[in-house]
Amino acid sequence: MSQSTLTSTKIPPLENGDKLTCIEFERRYEQMPHVKKAELIAGIVYMASPLRINQHGEPHASIITWLGFYKASTPNLQLGDNCTVRLDAENEPQPDVLLRITVNGQSTISEDGYVEGAPELIVEIAASTASIDLHQKLKIYQNNQVQEYLVWRVYDREIDWFRLRAGKYIKLKPNEKGIICSEYFPGLWLAQEALLAGDLGQVLAILQQGLNSPEYQNFVKKLNQNYD
């Protein structure tokens, strides 16, 4: 085989800003095992910068702890950390966290182990309102019917929790106690100010109150019925 032929068949590396199909995106991504996070959003490649512990690592871990506590008490759920999601022909995001219903839910697991379709809940840790998470990603998650989408804007000290209604995202508001309650996942309660203050113990205490609610107990019965 000639050198020119070898050059022509070499798979190019992923680069920020590349415009690719999902098939080509996956082909290049698989050739770059050193790359920890790359996403295809509206056909454009986005590759993550190095992540700082205060601005991303610890907030990410807190969300995983909160949702992991919920999952531990709830049947037929799957919690994912930085999993690639095949949403449609132009979008393969790698959300920071996802929560999906495993029995009769919106998404499935492909033969090669990827999430296909929209998980019911996606969480992104964002820098600020300028982030892609509140613009391009919000649109594609909305269009693909991700039921709830939570964005933690670390620099702004704000949490945006969106619920899909009639095809559009509306922002959920805290109740009089400052708690945001999921509409799709009953009992998934978030003490917003405690989370922002780093008081994970209080976050989990409020979540436990949600798990004790009648709405949550009815939700568990429904999930078990779906399995049966």
C-alpha atoms as a PDB file:
ATOM      1  CA  MET A   1       0.000   0.000   0.000  1.00  0.00           C
ATOM      2  CA  SER A   2       1.402   3.391  -0.944  1.00  0.00           C
ATOM      3  CA  GLN A   3       2.090   6.192   1.565  1.00  0.00           C
ATOM      4  CA  SER A   4      -0.543   8.328  -0.142  1.00  0.00           C
ATOM      5  CA  THR A   5      -3.154   5.614   0.350  1.00  0.00           C
ATOM      6  CA  LEU A   6      -2.246   5.292   4.040  1.00  0.00           C
ATOM      7  CA  THR A   7      -2.598   9.041   4.488  1.00  0.00           C
ATOM      8  CA  SER A   8      -5.952   9.161   2.728  1.00  0.00           C
ATOM      9  CA  THR A   9      -7.453   6.410   4.941  1.00  0.00           C
ATOM     10  CA  LYS A  10      -6.202   7.766   8.271  1.00  0.00           C
ATOM     11  CA  ILE A  11      -9.036   8.811  10.586  1.00  0.00           C
ATOM     12  CA  PRO A  12      -8.742  12.525  11.428  1.00  0.00           C
ATOM     13  CA  PRO A  13      -8.800  13.534  15.100  1.00  0.00           C
ATOM     14  CA  LEU A  14     -11.757  15.291  16.666  1.00  0.00           C
ATOM     15  CA  GLU A  15     -11.407  19.057  16.796  1.00  0.00           C
ATOM     16  CA  ASN A  16     -13.576  21.706  18.425  1.00  0.00           C
ATOM     17  CA  GLY A  17     -15.929  23.121  15.814  1.00  0.00           C
ATOM     18  CA  ASP A  18     -15.877  20.137  13.454  1.00  0.00           C
ATOM     19  CA  LYS A  19     -19.218  19.639  11.707  1.00  0.00           C
ATOM     20  CA  LEU A  20     -19.900  15.900  11.600  1.00  0.00           C
ATOM     21  CA  THR A  21     -22.573  13.252  11.380  1.00  0.00           C
ATOM     22  CA  CYS A  22     -23.118  11.040  14.424  1.00  0.00           C
ATOM     23  CA  ILE A  23     -21.488   8.120  12.622  1.00  0.00           C
ATOM     24  CA  GLU A  24     -18.325  10.074  11.833  1.00  0.00           C
ATOM     25  CA  PHE A  25     -18.286  11.623  15.313  1.00  0.00           C
ATOM     26  CA  GLU A  26     -18.317   8.200  16.961  1.00  0.00           C
ATOM     27  CA  ARG A  27     -15.683   6.870  14.538  1.00  0.00           C
ATOM     28  CA  ARG A  28     -13.254   9.648  15.437  1.00  0.00           C
ATOM     29  CA  TYR A  29     -14.091   9.626  19.148  1.00  0.00           C
ATOM     30  CA  GLU A  30     -13.294   5.897  19.399  1.00  0.00           C
ATOM     31  CA  GLN A  31      -9.820   6.576  18.003  1.00  0.00           C
ATOM     32  CA  MET A  32      -9.064   9.069  20.780  1.00  0.00           C
ATOM     33  CA  PRO A  33      -9.259   7.168  24.111  1.00  0.00           C
ATOM     34  CA  HIS A  34      -7.307   9.945  25.848  1.00  0.00           C
ATOM     35  CA  VAL A  35     -10.200  12.359  25.260  1.00  0.00           C
ATOM     36  CA  LYS A  36     -12.531  12.163  28.272  1.00  0.00           C
ATOM     37  CA  LYS A  37     -15.407  14.282  26.987  1.00  0.00           C
ATOM     38  CA  ALA A  38     -16.555  15.292  23.533  1.00  0.00           C
ATOM     39  CA  GLU A  39     -20.084  16.067  22.386  1.00  0.00           C
ATOM     40  CA  LEU A  40     -21.927  16.526  19.127  1.00  0.00           C
ATOM     41  CA  ILE A  41     -24.470  19.327  19.475  1.00  0.00           C
ATOM     42  CA  ALA A  42     -26.513  20.283  16.404  1.00  0.00           C
ATOM     43  CA  GLY A  43     -23.841  18.632  14.263  1.00  0.00           C
ATOM     44  CA  ILE A  44     -20.957  20.600  15.843  1.00  0.00           C
ATOM     45  CA  VAL A  45     -18.178  19.048  17.956  1.00  0.00           C
ATOM     46  CA  TYR A  46     -17.565  20.498  21.425  1.00  0.00           C
ATOM     47  CA  MET A  47     -14.633  19.292  23.530  1.00  0.00           C
ATOM     48  CA  ALA A  48     -14.368  20.065  27.239  1.00  0.00           C
ATOM     49  CA  SER A  49     -11.580  22.076  28.838  1.00  0.00           C
ATOM     50  CA  PRO A  50      -9.855  20.827  32.024  1.00  0.00           C
ATOM     51  CA  LEU A  51     -12.250  20.954  34.965  1.00  0.00           C
ATOM     52  CA  ARG A  52     -11.645  22.693  38.301  1.00  0.00           C
ATOM     53  CA  ILE A  53     -12.764  21.053  41.540  1.00  0.00           C
ATOM     54  CA  ASN A  54     -14.637  24.030  43.042  1.00  0.00           C
ATOM     55  CA  GLN A  55     -16.358  25.070  39.815  1.00  0.00           C
ATOM     56  CA  HIS A  56     -17.222  21.583  38.570  1.00  0.00           C
ATOM     57  CA  GLY A  57     -15.818  18.580  40.419  1.00  0.00           C
ATOM     58  CA  GLU A  58     -17.464  19.120  43.792  1.00  0.00           C
ATOM     59  CA  PRO A  59     -20.835  20.380  42.444  1.00  0.00           C
ATOM     60  CA  HIS A  60     -20.898  17.366  40.145  1.00  0.00           C
ATOM     61  CA  ALA A  61     -20.205  15.017  43.071  1.00  0.00           C
ATOM     62  CA  SER A  62     -22.966  16.649  45.143  1.00  0.00           C
ATOM     63  CA  ILE A  63     -25.521  16.093  42.372  1.00  0.00           C
ATOM     64  CA  ILE A  64     -24.432  12.465  42.010  1.00  0.00           C
ATOM     65  CA  THR A  65     -24.811  11.973  45.776  1.00  0.00           C
ATOM     66  CA  TRP A  66     -28.285  13.559  45.796  1.00  0.00           C
ATOM     67  CA  LEU A  67     -29.553  11.545  42.828  1.00  0.00           C
ATOM     68  CA  GLY A  68     -27.791   8.400  44.014  1.00  0.00           C
ATOM     69  CA  PHE A  69     -29.701   8.637  47.299  1.00  0.00           C
ATOM     70  CA  TYR A  70     -32.947   8.918  45.346  1.00  0.00           C
ATOM     71  CA  LYS A  71     -32.052   5.993  43.081  1.00  0.00           C
ATOM     72  CA  ALA A  72     -31.113   3.804  46.044  1.00  0.00           C
ATOM     73  CA  SER A  73     -34.694   4.044  47.303  1.00  0.00           C
ATOM     74  CA  THR A  74     -36.464   3.874  43.934  1.00  0.00           C
ATOM     75  CA  PRO A  75     -36.923   0.800  41.710  1.00  0.00           C
ATOM     76  CA  ASN A  76     -36.272   0.636  37.982  1.00  0.00           C
ATOM     77  CA  LEU A  77     -34.055   3.712  37.678  1.00  0.00           C
ATOM     78  CA  GLN A  78     -30.583   4.054  36.196  1.00  0.00           C
ATOM     79  CA  LEU A  79     -28.176   6.849  37.123  1.00  0.00           C
ATOM     80  CA  GLY A  80     -25.448   7.815  34.666  1.00  0.00           C
ATOM     81  CA  ASP A  81     -22.291   9.905  35.048  1.00  0.00           C
ATOM     82  CA  ASN A  82     -20.905  11.422  31.807  1.00  0.00           C
ATOM     83  CA  CYS A  83     -22.586   8.890  29.510  1.00  0.00           C
ATOM     84  CA  THR A  84     -22.884   9.531  25.785  1.00  0.00           C
ATOM     85  CA  VAL A  85     -26.534   9.788  24.707  1.00  0.00           C
ATOM     86  CA  ARG A  86     -27.629   9.182  21.121  1.00  0.00           C
ATOM     87  CA  LEU A  87     -30.488  11.642  20.871  1.00  0.00           C
ATOM     88  CA  ASP A  88     -30.896  12.025  17.112  1.00  0.00           C
ATOM     89  CA  ALA A  89     -28.909  12.197  13.870  1.00  0.00           C
ATOM     90  CA  GLU A  90     -27.086  15.402  14.828  1.00  0.00           C
ATOM     91  CA  ASN A  91     -26.855  15.222  18.606  1.00  0.00           C
ATOM     92  CA  GLU A  92     -24.744  13.010  20.869  1.00  0.00           C
ATOM     93  CA  PRO A  93     -24.325  14.932  24.108  1.00  0.00           C
ATOM     94  CA  GLN A  94     -22.414  13.601  27.100  1.00  0.00           C
ATOM     95  CA  PRO A  95     -24.399  15.123  29.969  1.00  0.00           C
ATOM     96  CA  ASP A  96     -22.790  15.444  33.369  1.00  0.00           C
ATOM     97  CA  VAL A  97     -25.542  13.362  34.963  1.00  0.00           C
ATOM     98  CA  LEU A  98     -28.655  11.579  33.735  1.00  0.00           C
ATOM     99  CA  LEU A  99     -31.470   9.678  35.400  1.00  0.00           C
ATOM    100  CA  ARG A 100     -33.596   7.317  33.324  1.00  0.00           C
ATOM    101  CA  ILE A 101     -36.490   4.940  33.893  1.00  0.00           C
ATOM    102  CA  THR A 102     -35.382   1.469  32.834  1.00  0.00           C
ATOM    103  CA  VAL A 103     -38.780  -0.190  32.360  1.00  0.00           C
ATOM    104  CA  ASN A 104     -41.169   1.409  29.863  1.00  0.00           C
ATOM    105  CA  GLY A 105     -39.150   4.618  29.928  1.00  0.00           C
ATOM    106  CA  GLN A 106     -38.290   6.997  27.101  1.00  0.00           C
ATOM    107  CA  SER A 107     -34.789   5.679  26.396  1.00  0.00           C
ATOM    108  CA  THR A 108     -33.179   2.321  25.717  1.00  0.00           C
ATOM    109  CA  ILE A 109     -29.683   0.832  25.858  1.00  0.00           C
ATOM    110  CA  SER A 110     -28.181  -0.099  22.497  1.00  0.00           C
ATOM    111  CA  GLU A 111     -26.379  -3.371  21.808  1.00  0.00           C
ATOM    112  CA  ASP A 112     -23.051  -1.547  22.077  1.00  0.00           C
ATOM    113  CA  GLY A 113     -23.976  -0.049  25.453  1.00  0.00           C
ATOM    114  CA  TYR A 114     -25.054   3.526  24.678  1.00  0.00           C
ATOM    115  CA  VAL A 115     -28.188   5.340  25.850  1.00  0.00           C
ATOM    116  CA  GLU A 116     -30.498   5.911  22.888  1.00  0.00           C
ATOM    117  CA  GLY A 117     -33.384   8.354  23.148  1.00  0.00           C
ATOM    118  CA  ALA A 118     -34.138  10.916  25.802  1.00  0.00           C
ATOM    119  CA  PRO A 119     -33.481  10.180  29.478  1.00  0.00           C
ATOM    120  CA  GLU A 120     -36.215  11.564  31.703  1.00  0.00           C
ATOM    121  CA  LEU A 121     -33.826  13.857  33.635  1.00  0.00           C
ATOM    122  CA  ILE A 122     -30.533  15.465  32.619  1.00  0.00           C
ATOM    123  CA  VAL A 123     -28.281  17.621  34.829  1.00  0.00           C
ATOM    124  CA  GLU A 124     -25.467  19.871  33.591  1.00  0.00           C
ATOM    125  CA  ILE A 125     -22.930  21.790  35.693  1.00  0.00           C
ATOM    126  CA  ALA A 126     -22.455  25.110  33.892  1.00  0.00           C
ATOM    127  CA  ALA A 127     -20.166  28.094  34.348  1.00  0.00           C
ATOM    128  CA  SER A 128     -22.770  30.837  33.805  1.00  0.00           C
ATOM    129  CA  THR A 129     -25.713  31.943  31.685  1.00  0.00           C
ATOM    130  CA  ALA A 130     -23.321  32.224  28.752  1.00  0.00           C
ATOM    131  CA  SER A 131     -22.837  28.461  28.717  1.00  0.00           C
ATOM    132  CA  ILE A 132     -23.844  26.171  25.873  1.00  0.00           C
ATOM    133  CA  ASP A 133     -25.931  24.313  28.480  1.00  0.00           C
ATOM    134  CA  LEU A 134     -28.505  27.137  28.582  1.00  0.00           C
ATOM    135  CA  HIS A 135     -28.605  27.686  24.837  1.00  0.00           C
ATOM    136  CA  GLN A 136     -27.846  24.941  22.300  1.00  0.00           C
ATOM    137  CA  LYS A 137     -28.253  22.064  24.727  1.00  0.00           C
ATOM    138  CA  LEU A 138     -31.482  23.398  26.177  1.00  0.00           C
ATOM    139  CA  LYS A 139     -32.977  23.497  22.700  1.00  0.00           C
ATOM    140  CA  ILE A 140     -31.951  19.972  21.757  1.00  0.00           C
ATOM    141  CA  TYR A 141     -33.067  18.522  25.082  1.00  0.00           C
ATOM    142  CA  GLN A 142     -36.397  20.291  24.699  1.00  0.00           C
ATOM    143  CA  ASN A 143     -36.830  19.127  21.106  1.00  0.00           C
ATOM    144  CA  ASN A 144     -36.002  15.534  22.051  1.00  0.00           C
ATOM    145  CA  GLN A 145     -38.424  15.583  24.999  1.00  0.00           C
ATOM    146  CA  VAL A 146     -36.080  15.276  27.951  1.00  0.00           C
ATOM    147  CA  GLN A 147     -38.775  15.713  30.587  1.00  0.00           C
ATOM    148  CA  GLU A 148     -36.722  17.664  33.127  1.00  0.00           C
ATOM    149  CA  TYR A 149     -33.451  19.524  32.725  1.00  0.00           C
ATOM    150  CA  LEU A 150     -31.471  20.963  35.627  1.00  0.00           C
ATOM    151  CA  VAL A 151     -28.608  23.420  35.110  1.00  0.00           C
ATOM    152  CA  TRP A 152     -26.410  24.456  38.043  1.00  0.00           C
ATOM    153  CA  ARG A 153     -24.790  27.808  37.157  1.00  0.00           C
ATOM    154  CA  VAL A 154     -21.883  27.734  39.559  1.00  0.00           C
ATOM    155  CA  TYR A 155     -20.482  31.247  38.997  1.00  0.00           C
ATOM    156  CA  ASP A 156     -23.966  32.769  39.174  1.00  0.00           C
ATOM    157  CA  ARG A 157     -24.928  30.680  42.240  1.00  0.00           C
ATOM    158  CA  GLU A 158     -28.201  29.787  40.550  1.00  0.00           C
ATOM    159  CA  ILE A 159     -30.054  26.577  39.752  1.00  0.00           C
ATOM    160  CA  ASP A 160     -32.396  26.426  36.760  1.00  0.00           C
ATOM    161  CA  TRP A 161     -34.725  23.416  36.800  1.00  0.00           C
ATOM    162  CA  PHE A 162     -36.863  23.107  33.678  1.00  0.00           C
ATOM    163  CA  ARG A 163     -39.938  20.949  33.123  1.00  0.00           C
ATOM    164  CA  LEU A 164     -41.265  20.060  29.680  1.00  0.00           C
ATOM    165  CA  ARG A 165     -44.878  21.151  29.228  1.00  0.00           C
ATOM    166  CA  ALA A 166     -46.647  21.113  25.877  1.00  0.00           C
ATOM    167  CA  GLY A 167     -43.300  20.793  24.124  1.00  0.00           C
ATOM    168  CA  LYS A 168     -41.693  23.788  25.861  1.00  0.00           C
ATOM    169  CA  TYR A 169     -39.531  24.152  28.944  1.00  0.00           C
ATOM    170  CA  ILE A 170     -40.877  26.125  31.875  1.00  0.00           C
ATOM    171  CA  LYS A 171     -38.751  26.864  34.939  1.00  0.00           C
ATOM    172  CA  LEU A 172     -39.815  25.231  38.187  1.00  0.00           C
ATOM    173  CA  LYS A 173     -39.939  27.585  41.153  1.00  0.00           C
ATOM    174  CA  PRO A 174     -39.051  26.801  44.778  1.00  0.00           C
ATOM    175  CA  ASN A 175     -41.974  26.507  47.192  1.00  0.00           C
ATOM    176  CA  GLU A 176     -42.394  28.680  50.285  1.00  0.00           C
ATOM    177  CA  LYS A 177     -39.711  26.605  52.066  1.00  0.00           C
ATOM    178  CA  GLY A 178     -37.197  27.124  49.279  1.00  0.00           C
ATOM    179  CA  ILE A 179     -37.520  23.566  48.007  1.00  0.00           C
ATOM    180  CA  ILE A 180     -37.764  22.714  44.319  1.00  0.00           C
ATOM    181  CA  CYS A 181     -39.871  19.595  43.752  1.00  0.00           C
ATOM    182  CA  SER A 182     -39.597  17.509  40.614  1.00  0.00           C
ATOM    183  CA  GLU A 183     -42.869  17.046  38.779  1.00  0.00           C
ATOM    184  CA  TYR A 184     -41.765  13.974  36.826  1.00  0.00           C
ATOM    185  CA  PHE A 185     -39.999  12.200  39.697  1.00  0.00           C
ATOM    186  CA  PRO A 186     -42.223  12.577  42.776  1.00  0.00           C
ATOM    187  CA  GLY A 187     -40.235  12.835  45.985  1.00  0.00           C
ATOM    188  CA  LEU A 188     -37.155  14.231  44.269  1.00  0.00           C
ATOM    189  CA  TRP A 189     -36.920  17.376  46.366  1.00  0.00           C
ATOM    190  CA  LEU A 190     -34.008  19.807  46.271  1.00  0.00           C
ATOM    191  CA  ALA A 191     -33.104  22.252  49.040  1.00  0.00           C
ATOM    192  CA  GLN A 192     -31.668  24.830  46.681  1.00  0.00           C
ATOM    193  CA  GLU A 193     -29.939  27.129  49.170  1.00  0.00           C
ATOM    194  CA  ALA A 194     -28.449  24.210  51.099  1.00  0.00           C
ATOM    195  CA  LEU A 195     -26.961  22.814  47.888  1.00  0.00           C
ATOM    196  CA  LEU A 196     -25.492  26.185  46.929  1.00  0.00           C
ATOM    197  CA  ALA A 197     -24.029  26.520  50.439  1.00  0.00           C
ATOM    198  CA  GLY A 198     -22.435  23.091  50.288  1.00  0.00           C
ATOM    199  CA  ASP A 199     -24.636  21.691  53.069  1.00  0.00           C
ATOM    200  CA  LEU A 200     -25.078  18.228  51.611  1.00  0.00           C
ATOM    201  CA  GLY A 201     -26.453  16.850  54.874  1.00  0.00           C
ATOM    202  CA  GLN A 202     -29.414  19.222  54.687  1.00  0.00           C
ATOM    203  CA  VAL A 203     -29.898  18.432  51.003  1.00  0.00           C
ATOM    204  CA  LEU A 204     -30.240  14.740  51.835  1.00  0.00           C
ATOM    205  CA  ALA A 205     -32.479  15.446  54.841  1.00  0.00           C
ATOM    206  CA  ILE A 206     -34.933  17.329  52.623  1.00  0.00           C
ATOM    207  CA  LEU A 207     -34.752  14.593  50.021  1.00  0.00           C
ATOM    208  CA  GLN A 208     -35.690  12.077  52.707  1.00  0.00           C
ATOM    209  CA  GLN A 209     -38.790  14.144  53.422  1.00  0.00           C
ATOM    210  CA  GLY A 210     -39.680  13.808  49.760  1.00  0.00           C
ATOM    211  CA  LEU A 211     -39.178  10.045  49.944  1.00  0.00           C
ATOM    212  CA  ASN A 212     -41.632   9.950  52.851  1.00  0.00           C
ATOM    213  CA  SER A 213     -44.359  11.746  50.884  1.00  0.00           C
ATOM    214  CA  PRO A 214     -47.530   9.983  49.665  1.00  0.00           C
ATOM    215  CA  GLU A 215     -46.768  11.141  46.113  1.00  0.00           C
ATOM    216  CA  TYR A 216     -43.479   9.262  46.174  1.00  0.00           C
ATOM    217  CA  GLN A 217     -45.062   6.086  47.524  1.00  0.00           C
ATOM    218  CA  ASN A 218     -47.613   6.142  44.700  1.00  0.00           C
ATOM    219  CA  PHE A 219     -44.800   6.672  42.186  1.00  0.00           C
ATOM    220  CA  VAL A 220     -42.944   3.600  43.477  1.00  0.00           C
ATOM    221  CA  LYS A 221     -46.109   1.515  43.119  1.00  0.00           C
ATOM    222  CA  LYS A 222     -46.447   2.710  39.519  1.00  0.00           C
ATOM    223  CA  LEU A 223     -42.856   1.820  38.705  1.00  0.00           C
ATOM    224  CA  ASN A 224     -43.292  -1.633  40.177  1.00  0.00           C
ATOM    225  CA  GLN A 225     -46.483  -2.139  38.171  1.00  0.00           C
ATOM    226  CA  ASN A 226     -44.608  -1.216  34.993  1.00  0.00           C
ATOM    227  CA  TYR A 227     -42.092  -3.958  35.800  1.00  0.00           C
ATOM    228  CA  ASP A 228     -44.796  -6.557  36.446  1.00  0.00           C
END
